[in-house]
Amino acid sequence: MNPPSRIALIRERLSHALAPLKLEISDESHKHLGHAGARGGGGHFSVLVVAPEFAGKTLLERHRLIYEALGDAMQREIHALSIKALTPAEHQPEEGH
């Protein structure tokens, strides 16, 4: 699966499971060329997920929700995932956004 397809897969699964108010996905695979995971075909991604679903949940619980939503993609399509999971109240948009 190519990087744009992986991003679409991540977007679809997280959107369906968490109905985020904001979802940003970055492919950071280029930073890991030569790394074992890159050789195995899995991509390295970073996500920002802002969702009401995270209210009252610990950081670990939030990450578990994301991993559960991604399911088998974590074994096949995603080698590494950097997660920033926030509630709408915690999210402070950059000035001018």
Protein backbone atom coordinates (compact mmCIF):
# COMPACT_ATOMS: atom_id res chain seq x y z
CA MET A 1 0.00 0.00 0.00
CA ASN A 2 1.41 3.41 -0.91
CA PRO A 3 1.64 6.34 1.56
CA PRO A 4 -1.46 8.22 0.29
CA SER A 5 -3.50 5.02 0.61
CA ARG A 6 -2.20 4.48 4.15
CA ILE A 7 -3.15 8.03 5.10
CA ALA A 8 -6.64 7.47 3.65
CA LEU A 9 -6.94 4.24 5.65
CA ILE A 10 -5.88 5.98 8.88
CA ARG A 11 -8.28 8.88 8.20
CA GLU A 12 -11.19 6.55 7.47
CA ARG A 13 -10.71 4.38 10.56
CA LEU A 14 -10.12 7.22 13.01
CA SER A 15 -12.98 9.30 11.59
CA HIS A 16 -15.38 6.37 11.84
CA ALA A 17 -14.38 5.36 15.37
CA LEU A 18 -13.85 8.74 17.03
CA ALA A 19 -15.68 11.39 14.96
CA PRO A 20 -12.83 13.85 15.57
CA LEU A 21 -13.35 17.59 15.30
CA LYS A 22 -9.81 17.81 13.96
CA LEU A 23 -7.63 15.11 12.42
CA GLU A 24 -4.17 15.74 11.03
CA ILE A 25 -2.05 12.91 9.65
CA SER A 26 1.57 13.25 8.58
CA ASP A 27 3.64 10.64 6.80
CA GLU A 28 7.08 10.74 8.40
CA SER A 29 8.41 7.62 6.70
CA HIS A 30 11.06 9.62 4.84
CA LYS A 31 12.72 10.35 8.20
CA HIS A 32 13.19 6.62 8.79
CA LEU A 33 14.69 5.36 5.54
CA GLY A 34 16.88 2.36 6.21
CA HIS A 35 15.10 1.64 9.50
CA ALA A 36 13.93 -1.97 9.92
CA GLY A 37 10.26 -0.95 9.82
CA ALA A 38 10.75 1.01 6.64
CA ARG A 39 12.41 -1.99 4.99
CA GLY A 40 9.46 -4.14 6.07
CA GLY A 41 7.04 -1.83 4.28
CA GLY A 42 5.30 -0.29 7.27
CA GLY A 43 5.04 3.48 7.36
CA HIS A 44 5.87 5.95 10.11
CA PHE A 45 3.03 8.38 10.82
CA SER A 46 2.12 11.18 13.19
CA VAL A 47 -1.49 12.00 14.10
CA LEU A 48 -3.23 14.83 15.89
CA VAL A 49 -6.72 13.79 16.95
CA VAL A 50 -9.06 16.24 18.68
CA ALA A 51 -12.19 14.43 19.81
CA PRO A 52 -14.87 14.82 22.49
CA GLU A 53 -14.52 11.04 23.03
CA PHE A 54 -11.26 11.69 24.92
CA ALA A 55 -12.93 13.70 27.72
CA GLY A 56 -12.31 12.11 31.10
CA LYS A 57 -9.88 9.56 29.66
CA THR A 58 -6.22 9.12 30.56
CA LEU A 59 -3.49 9.42 27.95
CA LEU A 60 -3.18 5.63 27.88
CA GLU A 61 -6.93 5.19 27.35
CA ARG A 62 -6.87 7.72 24.50
CA HIS A 63 -4.01 5.91 22.79
CA ARG A 64 -5.78 2.59 23.20
CA LEU A 65 -8.86 4.01 21.46
CA ILE A 66 -6.69 5.07 18.54
CA TYR A 67 -4.90 1.72 18.33
CA GLU A 68 -8.23 -0.13 18.52
CA ALA A 69 -9.62 2.02 15.71
CA LEU A 70 -6.61 1.28 13.51
CA GLY A 71 -6.82 -2.44 14.26
CA ASP A 72 -4.87 -4.71 11.93
CA ALA A 73 -3.32 -1.74 10.11
CA MET A 74 -0.96 -1.46 13.08
CA GLN A 75 0.51 -4.84 12.16
CA ARG A 76 0.62 -4.39 8.37
CA GLU A 77 0.52 -0.79 7.18
CA ILE A 78 1.83 1.21 10.15
CA HIS A 79 5.19 0.48 11.71
CA ALA A 80 5.31 3.51 14.02
CA LEU A 81 2.72 6.03 15.15
CA SER A 82 3.26 9.25 17.05
CA ILE A 83 0.01 10.30 18.72
CA LYS A 84 -1.28 13.60 20.06
CA ALA A 85 -4.80 12.98 21.40
CA LEU A 86 -6.66 15.98 22.81
CA THR A 87 -10.14 16.97 23.89
CA PRO A 88 -11.60 20.08 22.22
CA ALA A 89 -10.98 22.02 25.47
CA GLU A 90 -7.30 21.02 25.46
CA HIS A 91 -6.73 21.95 21.85
CA GLN A 92 -5.39 25.44 21.40
CA PRO A 93 -5.27 26.31 17.70
CA GLU A 94 -2.28 28.27 16.50
CA GLU A 95 -2.83 32.01 16.20
CA GLY A 96 -4.66 32.81 12.98
CA HIS A 97 -6.12 29.31 12.48
